[in-house]
């Protein structure tokens, strides 16, 4: 099975908060992740993005694929 880096939704209704997780590709959106690698809060101004670059590199080296949204968040967090 392919491992993915993707967002899982947390928070309450109309107050989203997302965790960036490493998860099996076949698992549902809010299923049990293998590892937490960061979080994204779009409700703050500016949006809060926290990414553990070492964990992201570890998972990418192991063959994980990042979703398009997670790729853009990683770029924003790094720069």
C-alpha atoms as a PDB file:
ATOM      1  CA  UNK A   1       0.000   0.000   0.000  1.00  0.00           C
ATOM      2  CA  UNK A   2       1.134   3.509  -0.784  1.00  0.00           C
ATOM      3  CA  UNK A   3       1.783   5.905   2.051  1.00  0.00           C
ATOM      4  CA  UNK A   4       0.482   9.451   1.625  1.00  0.00           C
ATOM      5  CA  UNK A   5       1.145  12.754   3.332  1.00  0.00           C
ATOM      6  CA  UNK A   6      -2.232  14.450   3.529  1.00  0.00           C
ATOM      7  CA  UNK A   7      -4.531  16.558   5.680  1.00  0.00           C
ATOM      8  CA  UNK A   8      -6.939  15.242   8.259  1.00  0.00           C
ATOM      9  CA  UNK A   9      -9.661  17.557   9.482  1.00  0.00           C
ATOM     10  CA  UNK A  10     -10.025  18.491  13.136  1.00  0.00           C
ATOM     11  CA  UNK A  11     -11.855  21.315  14.862  1.00  0.00           C
ATOM     12  CA  UNK A  12     -15.550  22.051  15.024  1.00  0.00           C
ATOM     13  CA  UNK A  13     -18.235  22.936  12.545  1.00  0.00           C
ATOM     14  CA  UNK A  14     -17.228  26.047  10.568  1.00  0.00           C
ATOM     15  CA  UNK A  15     -13.915  26.232  12.511  1.00  0.00           C
ATOM     16  CA  UNK A  16     -11.592  23.879  10.620  1.00  0.00           C
ATOM     17  CA  UNK A  17      -8.143  22.894  11.801  1.00  0.00           C
ATOM     18  CA  UNK A  18      -6.023  20.398   9.893  1.00  0.00           C
ATOM     19  CA  UNK A  19      -3.240  18.025  10.878  1.00  0.00           C
ATOM     20  CA  UNK A  20      -0.655  16.965   8.320  1.00  0.00           C
ATOM     21  CA  UNK A  21      -0.293  13.210   8.680  1.00  0.00           C
ATOM     22  CA  UNK A  22       1.454  10.228   7.126  1.00  0.00           C
ATOM     23  CA  UNK A  23      -1.253   7.664   6.448  1.00  0.00           C
ATOM     24  CA  UNK A  24      -1.916   4.545   4.404  1.00  0.00           C
ATOM     25  CA  UNK A  25      -3.472   5.608   1.085  1.00  0.00           C
ATOM     26  CA  UNK A  26      -6.489   3.319   1.448  1.00  0.00           C
ATOM     27  CA  UNK A  27      -7.449   4.674   4.894  1.00  0.00           C
ATOM     28  CA  UNK A  28     -10.373   7.087   5.205  1.00  0.00           C
ATOM     29  CA  UNK A  29      -9.694  10.811   5.616  1.00  0.00           C
ATOM     30  CA  UNK A  30      -9.939  10.852   9.400  1.00  0.00           C
ATOM     31  CA  UNK A  31      -8.556   7.359   9.984  1.00  0.00           C
ATOM     32  CA  UNK A  32      -5.672   6.440  12.259  1.00  0.00           C
ATOM     33  CA  UNK A  33      -2.415   7.961  10.944  1.00  0.00           C
ATOM     34  CA  UNK A  34       1.038   6.423  11.054  1.00  0.00           C
ATOM     35  CA  UNK A  35       2.645   9.715  12.154  1.00  0.00           C
ATOM     36  CA  UNK A  36       1.786  13.397  12.720  1.00  0.00           C
ATOM     37  CA  UNK A  37       4.135  15.707  10.823  1.00  0.00           C
ATOM     38  CA  UNK A  38       2.549  19.112  11.397  1.00  0.00           C
ATOM     39  CA  UNK A  39      -0.618  21.185  11.439  1.00  0.00           C
ATOM     40  CA  UNK A  40      -2.381  23.943   9.504  1.00  0.00           C
ATOM     41  CA  UNK A  41      -4.816  26.478  10.950  1.00  0.00           C
ATOM     42  CA  UNK A  42      -6.508  28.526   8.193  1.00  0.00           C
ATOM     43  CA  UNK A  43      -8.647  30.468  10.702  1.00  0.00           C
ATOM     44  CA  UNK A  44      -5.827  32.687  11.961  1.00  0.00           C
ATOM     45  CA  UNK A  45      -4.601  35.720  10.067  1.00  0.00           C
ATOM     46  CA  UNK A  46      -2.095  34.897   8.593  1.00  0.00           C
ATOM     47  CA  UNK A  47      -2.727  31.153   8.445  1.00  0.00           C
ATOM     48  CA  UNK A  48      -0.591  29.180  10.904  1.00  0.00           C
ATOM     49  CA  UNK A  49       1.490  26.439   9.281  1.00  0.00           C
ATOM     50  CA  UNK A  50       3.783  24.240  11.388  1.00  0.00           C
ATOM     51  CA  UNK A  51       5.706  21.432   9.682  1.00  0.00           C
ATOM     52  CA  UNK A  52       8.385  19.140  11.117  1.00  0.00           C
ATOM     53  CA  UNK A  53      10.768  19.120   8.142  1.00  0.00           C
ATOM     54  CA  UNK A  54      12.758  16.146   9.473  1.00  0.00           C
ATOM     55  CA  UNK A  55       9.665  13.926   9.660  1.00  0.00           C
ATOM     56  CA  UNK A  56       8.521  15.047   6.201  1.00  0.00           C
ATOM     57  CA  UNK A  57      11.942  14.201   4.752  1.00  0.00           C
ATOM     58  CA  UNK A  58      11.907  10.810   6.495  1.00  0.00           C
ATOM     59  CA  UNK A  59       8.514   9.881   5.052  1.00  0.00           C
ATOM     60  CA  UNK A  60       9.353  11.158   1.567  1.00  0.00           C
ATOM     61  CA  UNK A  61      12.565   9.114   1.634  1.00  0.00           C
ATOM     62  CA  UNK A  62      10.498   6.047   2.563  1.00  0.00           C
ATOM     63  CA  UNK A  63       8.407   6.559  -0.580  1.00  0.00           C
ATOM     64  CA  UNK A  64       5.431   8.534   0.701  1.00  0.00           C
ATOM     65  CA  UNK A  65       3.610  10.804  -1.750  1.00  0.00           C
ATOM     66  CA  UNK A  66       2.435  14.237  -0.636  1.00  0.00           C
ATOM     67  CA  UNK A  67      -0.926  15.569  -1.776  1.00  0.00           C
ATOM     68  CA  UNK A  68      -0.949  18.802  -3.783  1.00  0.00           C
ATOM     69  CA  UNK A  69      -2.208  20.793  -0.808  1.00  0.00           C
ATOM     70  CA  UNK A  70       0.445  19.364   1.506  1.00  0.00           C
ATOM     71  CA  UNK A  71       3.169  20.105  -1.058  1.00  0.00           C
ATOM     72  CA  UNK A  72       2.120  23.761  -1.148  1.00  0.00           C
ATOM     73  CA  UNK A  73       1.954  23.952   2.664  1.00  0.00           C
ATOM     74  CA  UNK A  74       5.459  22.475   2.966  1.00  0.00           C
ATOM     75  CA  UNK A  75       6.778  25.100   0.517  1.00  0.00           C
ATOM     76  CA  UNK A  76       5.080  27.933   2.429  1.00  0.00           C
ATOM     77  CA  UNK A  77       6.400  26.663   5.780  1.00  0.00           C
ATOM     78  CA  UNK A  78       9.958  26.383   4.446  1.00  0.00           C
ATOM     79  CA  UNK A  79      10.065  29.799   2.826  1.00  0.00           C
END
